[in-house]
Protein backbone atom coordinates (compact mmCIF):
# COMPACT_ATOMS: atom_id res chain seq x y z
CA UNK A 1 16.51 -14.17 -10.70
CA UNK A 2 19.80 -14.95 -12.86
CA UNK A 3 20.57 -17.72 -14.42
CA UNK A 4 23.18 -20.82 -13.82
CA UNK A 5 22.51 -20.57 -10.00
CA UNK A 6 23.77 -17.09 -9.59
CA UNK A 7 23.02 -14.45 -7.10
CA UNK A 8 19.78 -12.67 -7.69
CA UNK A 9 20.16 -9.16 -9.20
CA UNK A 10 18.41 -6.18 -7.03
CA UNK A 11 18.13 -2.93 -8.67
CA UNK A 12 16.55 0.53 -6.94
CA UNK A 13 15.07 3.31 -9.00
CA UNK A 14 13.25 6.44 -7.91
CA UNK A 15 9.49 6.12 -7.88
CA UNK A 16 9.47 8.09 -11.43
CA UNK A 17 12.49 7.11 -13.10
CA UNK A 18 10.22 5.02 -15.50
CA UNK A 19 12.76 5.17 -18.43
CA UNK A 20 15.72 3.82 -16.54
CA UNK A 21 13.44 0.93 -15.25
CA UNK A 22 12.46 0.24 -18.69
CA UNK A 23 15.84 0.12 -19.80
CA UNK A 24 17.05 -2.08 -17.07
CA UNK A 25 14.23 -4.52 -17.77
CA UNK A 26 15.39 -4.76 -21.31
CA UNK A 27 18.88 -5.30 -20.43
CA UNK A 28 17.93 -7.88 -17.62
CA UNK A 29 15.92 -9.87 -20.51
CA UNK A 30 19.17 -11.19 -21.40
CA UNK A 31 20.61 -12.10 -18.31
CA UNK A 32 17.98 -13.65 -16.15
CA UNK A 33 15.03 -16.32 -16.25
CA UNK A 34 12.58 -14.81 -13.94
CA UNK A 35 12.17 -11.15 -12.90
CA UNK A 36 9.96 -9.54 -10.28
CA UNK A 37 9.43 -5.78 -10.14
CA UNK A 38 7.22 -3.33 -8.20
CA UNK A 39 6.67 -0.26 -10.55
CA UNK A 40 4.31 2.42 -11.63
CA UNK A 41 1.68 1.32 -14.56
CA UNK A 42 3.18 3.46 -17.24
CA UNK A 43 3.17 2.62 -20.78
CA UNK A 44 7.10 2.31 -21.10
CA UNK A 45 7.21 -0.31 -18.32
CA UNK A 46 4.36 -2.20 -19.81
CA UNK A 47 6.01 -2.03 -23.10
CA UNK A 48 9.41 -3.42 -21.45
CA UNK A 49 7.54 -6.38 -19.83
CA UNK A 50 5.62 -7.40 -22.87
CA UNK A 51 9.24 -7.38 -24.82
CA UNK A 52 10.80 -9.45 -21.93
CA UNK A 53 8.20 -11.96 -21.70
CA UNK A 54 8.21 -12.41 -25.62
CA UNK A 55 11.95 -13.20 -24.86
CA UNK A 56 10.99 -16.00 -22.57
CA UNK A 57 11.37 -14.08 -19.25
CA UNK A 58 8.88 -14.68 -16.50
CA UNK A 59 7.92 -11.44 -15.29
CA UNK A 60 6.07 -11.13 -11.61
CA UNK A 61 4.36 -7.82 -10.69
CA UNK A 62 4.99 -7.38 -6.62
CA UNK A 63 3.03 -5.44 -4.36
CA UNK A 64 1.42 -3.40 -7.33
CA UNK A 65 0.05 -5.14 -10.46
CA UNK A 66 0.51 -4.00 -14.16
CA UNK A 67 -2.14 -3.90 -16.88
CA UNK A 68 0.00 -6.03 -19.26
CA UNK A 69 -1.37 -9.61 -19.89
CA UNK A 70 2.09 -10.81 -20.68
CA UNK A 71 2.88 -10.77 -16.94
CA UNK A 72 3.29 -14.21 -15.34
CA UNK A 73 1.69 -13.39 -12.02
CA UNK A 74 1.19 -10.89 -9.15
CA UNK A 75 1.94 -11.50 -5.40
CA UNK A 76 0.80 -8.80 -3.16
CA UNK A 77 -2.42 -7.60 -1.25
CA UNK A 78 -5.48 -8.10 -2.13
CA UNK A 79 -6.03 -4.14 -2.47
CA UNK A 80 -9.85 -4.38 -2.80
CA UNK A 81 -10.19 -5.70 0.53
CA UNK A 82 -7.62 -3.28 1.99
CA UNK A 83 -9.45 -0.62 1.01
CA UNK A 84 -12.78 -1.73 2.17
CA UNK A 85 -11.01 -2.78 5.53
CA UNK A 86 -9.73 0.64 5.86
CA UNK A 87 -13.32 2.29 5.10
CA UNK A 88 -14.81 -0.11 7.56
CA UNK A 89 -12.89 0.95 10.50
CA UNK A 90 -13.02 4.66 9.34
CA UNK A 91 -16.81 4.59 9.23
CA UNK A 92 -16.88 3.31 13.06
CA UNK A 93 -14.11 5.88 14.03
CA UNK A 94 -15.72 8.88 12.54
CA UNK A 95 -19.54 10.39 13.05
CA UNK A 96 -21.10 13.15 11.69
CA UNK A 97 -20.29 15.63 8.93
CA UNK A 98 -16.55 16.31 8.02
CA UNK A 99 -13.85 15.68 5.69
CA UNK A 100 -12.02 12.40 5.16
CA UNK A 101 -8.43 13.01 3.20
CA UNK A 102 -6.85 10.31 1.19
CA UNK A 103 -3.08 10.37 0.86
CA UNK A 104 -1.44 8.33 -1.87
CA UNK A 105 2.05 7.76 -3.34
CA UNK A 106 1.24 7.95 -6.95
CA UNK A 107 -2.16 7.22 -8.61
CA UNK A 108 -0.19 5.12 -11.35
CA UNK A 109 0.63 2.69 -8.78
CA UNK A 110 -2.52 0.18 -9.23
CA UNK A 111 -2.50 -1.03 -5.74
CA UNK A 112 -2.94 2.37 -4.61
CA UNK A 113 -5.71 3.17 -6.71
CA UNK A 114 -7.42 0.09 -6.24
CA UNK A 115 -7.33 0.67 -2.58
CA UNK A 116 -8.79 4.21 -3.12
CA UNK A 117 -11.76 3.17 -5.28
CA UNK A 118 -12.58 0.25 -2.82
CA UNK A 119 -12.16 2.72 0.06
CA UNK A 120 -14.47 5.33 -1.53
CA UNK A 121 -17.12 2.74 -2.71
CA UNK A 122 -17.65 1.41 0.56
CA UNK A 123 -18.21 4.73 2.57
CA UNK A 124 -20.55 5.49 0.17
CA UNK A 125 -22.40 2.53 0.77
CA UNK A 126 -22.62 3.68 4.11
CA UNK A 127 -23.90 6.83 3.45
CA UNK A 128 -22.98 8.63 6.46
CA UNK A 129 -22.44 12.15 4.94
CA UNK A 130 -18.73 12.80 5.03
CA UNK A 131 -17.25 14.33 2.29
CA UNK A 132 -14.24 12.23 1.04
CA UNK A 133 -11.79 14.51 -0.48
CA UNK A 134 -9.77 13.94 -3.72
CA UNK A 135 -6.59 12.00 -2.85
CA UNK A 136 -3.49 14.12 -3.08
CA UNK A 137 -0.03 12.58 -3.78
CA UNK A 138 3.29 12.05 -1.38
CA UNK A 139 5.46 10.45 -3.99
CA UNK A 140 6.31 7.81 -1.40
CA UNK A 141 8.35 10.54 0.61
CA UNK A 142 7.92 11.27 4.15
CA UNK A 143 8.72 14.99 3.64
CA UNK A 144 6.22 15.22 1.08
CA UNK A 145 3.68 13.29 2.87
CA UNK A 146 4.20 15.78 6.05
CA UNK A 147 3.74 18.76 3.40
CA UNK A 148 0.51 17.57 1.91
CA UNK A 149 -0.83 16.71 5.52
CA UNK A 150 -0.18 20.00 6.70
CA UNK A 151 -1.94 21.81 3.92
CA UNK A 152 -4.87 19.54 4.37
CA UNK A 153 -5.10 20.16 8.20
CA UNK A 154 -5.11 24.19 7.33
CA UNK A 155 -7.28 24.00 4.54
CA UNK A 156 -9.82 21.31 6.08
CA UNK A 157 -10.61 22.19 9.95
CA UNK A 158 -13.25 19.68 10.07
CA UNK A 159 -11.06 17.07 8.77
CA UNK A 160 -12.08 13.79 10.91
CA UNK A 161 -10.00 10.88 9.14
CA UNK A 162 -6.95 10.24 6.76
CA UNK A 163 -6.51 6.93 4.79
CA UNK A 164 -3.00 6.64 3.80
CA UNK A 165 -2.34 3.49 1.51
CA UNK A 166 1.37 4.43 0.50
CA UNK A 167 4.87 5.17 1.67
CA UNK A 168 6.10 8.29 3.59
CA UNK A 169 3.73 7.90 6.49
CA UNK A 170 5.96 8.92 8.82
CA UNK A 171 5.74 12.24 7.44
CA UNK A 172 1.90 12.24 8.02
CA UNK A 173 2.30 11.08 11.75
CA UNK A 174 4.89 14.23 12.27
CA UNK A 175 2.37 16.83 10.77
CA UNK A 176 -0.45 15.40 12.76
CA UNK A 177 1.62 15.34 16.24
CA UNK A 178 2.83 19.10 15.44
CA UNK A 179 -0.80 20.28 14.92
CA UNK A 180 -1.67 18.91 18.07
CA UNK A 181 -4.94 17.22 16.48
CA UNK A 182 -3.35 13.48 16.54
CA UNK A 183 -6.12 12.57 19.30
CA UNK A 184 -9.07 14.05 16.78
CA UNK A 185 -8.03 13.08 13.35
CA UNK A 186 -8.43 9.34 13.00
CA UNK A 187 -5.32 7.96 10.86
CA UNK A 188 -5.83 4.54 8.97
CA UNK A 189 -2.46 3.61 6.88
CA UNK A 190 -0.67 0.53 5.60
CA UNK A 191 2.78 -0.63 6.95
CA UNK A 192 5.09 -1.22 8.44
CA UNK A 193 6.93 2.06 8.96
CA UNK A 194 9.31 3.22 11.13
CA UNK A 195 8.58 3.78 14.74
CA UNK A 196 5.11 2.68 14.16
CA UNK A 197 4.73 0.92 17.25
CA UNK A 198 5.12 4.22 19.20
CA UNK A 199 2.59 5.91 16.89
CA UNK A 200 0.22 3.29 17.80
CA UNK A 201 0.56 3.53 21.35
CA UNK A 202 0.10 7.36 21.50
CA UNK A 203 -2.73 6.82 19.34
CA UNK A 204 -1.27 9.13 16.01
CA UNK A 205 -2.16 5.80 14.01
CA UNK A 206 -5.45 4.33 14.98
CA UNK A 207 -5.26 1.65 12.49
CA UNK A 208 -2.30 -0.13 10.55
CA UNK A 209 -3.04 -2.48 7.60
CA UNK A 210 0.57 -4.35 8.23
CA UNK A 211 2.49 -6.17 5.34
CA UNK A 212 4.14 -9.19 6.47
CA UNK A 213 7.06 -8.86 4.72
CA UNK A 214 9.35 -11.95 5.55
CA UNK A 215 6.53 -14.03 4.43
CA UNK A 216 5.88 -12.00 1.28
CA UNK A 217 9.70 -12.48 0.47
CA UNK A 218 9.67 -16.13 1.06
CA UNK A 219 6.53 -16.60 -1.14
CA UNK A 220 7.92 -14.29 -3.86
CA UNK A 221 11.43 -16.20 -3.88
CA UNK A 222 9.47 -19.75 -3.89
CA UNK A 223 7.50 -18.39 -6.70
CA UNK A 224 10.28 -17.26 -8.92
CA UNK A 225 12.34 -20.26 -8.37
CA UNK A 226 9.38 -22.57 -9.31
CA UNK A 227 8.43 -20.50 -12.32
CA UNK A 228 11.24 -21.74 -14.28
CA UNK A 229 9.77 -24.87 -14.59
CA UNK A 230 6.04 -24.20 -15.14
CA UNK A 231 4.30 -23.57 -18.54
CA UNK A 232 4.70 -19.85 -19.63
CA UNK A 233 0.86 -20.05 -20.37
CA UNK A 234 0.53 -20.57 -16.63
CA UNK A 235 -0.40 -17.35 -14.80
CA UNK A 236 0.15 -17.03 -10.87
CA UNK A 237 -1.87 -15.01 -8.54
CA UNK A 238 -0.55 -15.29 -4.88
CA UNK A 239 -2.60 -12.87 -2.67
CA UNK A 240 -0.86 -12.19 0.52
CA UNK A 241 -2.96 -11.74 4.08
CA UNK A 242 -2.26 -8.49 6.07
CA UNK A 243 -2.42 -8.00 9.56
CA UNK A 244 -4.40 -4.99 11.47
CA UNK A 245 -2.34 -3.57 14.09
CA UNK A 246 -4.01 -1.18 16.83
CA UNK A 247 -3.12 0.37 20.05
CA UNK A 248 -4.38 -2.83 21.97
CA UNK A 249 -1.71 -4.78 20.52
CA UNK A 250 0.64 -2.91 22.66
CA UNK A 251 -0.91 -1.65 25.69
CA UNK A 252 -3.70 -3.27 27.96
CA UNK A 253 -6.39 -0.76 27.14
CA UNK A 254 -9.22 -0.14 24.70
CA UNK A 255 -8.38 0.79 21.23
CA UNK A 256 -9.35 4.68 21.08
CA UNK A 257 -12.43 5.35 18.66
CA UNK A 258 -13.14 9.28 18.92
CA UNK A 259 -16.78 9.20 19.11
CA UNK A 260 -18.06 5.89 18.68
CA UNK A 261 -17.17 2.77 20.71
CA UNK A 262 -16.18 -0.84 19.19
CA UNK A 263 -15.80 -3.28 21.98
CA UNK A 264 -15.12 -7.06 22.05
CA UNK A 265 -12.66 -6.82 19.27
CA UNK A 266 -9.46 -9.06 19.10
CA UNK A 267 -6.26 -7.42 19.99
CA UNK A 268 -4.75 -8.96 16.54
CA UNK A 269 -6.69 -9.71 13.42
CA UNK A 270 -5.47 -11.53 10.44
CA UNK A 271 -7.25 -11.24 6.92
């Protein structure tokens, strides 16, 4: 957020352009009072954030936190809760032996790492016998997500479910539809994403943990504006709620559960 009432400065970088992003953080440290960023937890990014904080800039991590104590706060989902929520649904959608796949954008996004860890932990507690596969990376791109999904479908014919706390889910949806196995394999993902309503209606997506982006944006802008008048020692944590979207939100019949039924659930759940 620029000084002197100027309009916010918004920059976009490729997911792995860490050097360019670090350089931008250094440059913006001379121009702004408050900085918000979505970034990989990379040493160059952490160094740039620490340096910006030392120069008096309030730095907020958005959606994915950074392991740097000098940041001013985190605004995003409770990813531990999101991962365990996804596991709760997967456990009820799947029975018997088989594989459960995980697709992430990049493990250096701490949000996705936390989702994966809590997802695995919750399923491990249930002890139902499914094999949880090692995560594969989509780099937040739909084309790569499609490719890794197709490879997963070929390699694991007994695949029961996919959890995707990442971007590029549109590619996973396309791969499942093209395979003809979209009614056999449960897909739990994070959203929003393009054409998600259709994918929920036709059953390709079973559960979508949906960010409330308008609410998130409003909270972020308010927190960044207020930060200019709060002590630098104050660290702000603002966990954001998410919605659970499923087929029953859009059509008036029961949510499909492949091999097990859950009845009496609400059409829309907020956590």
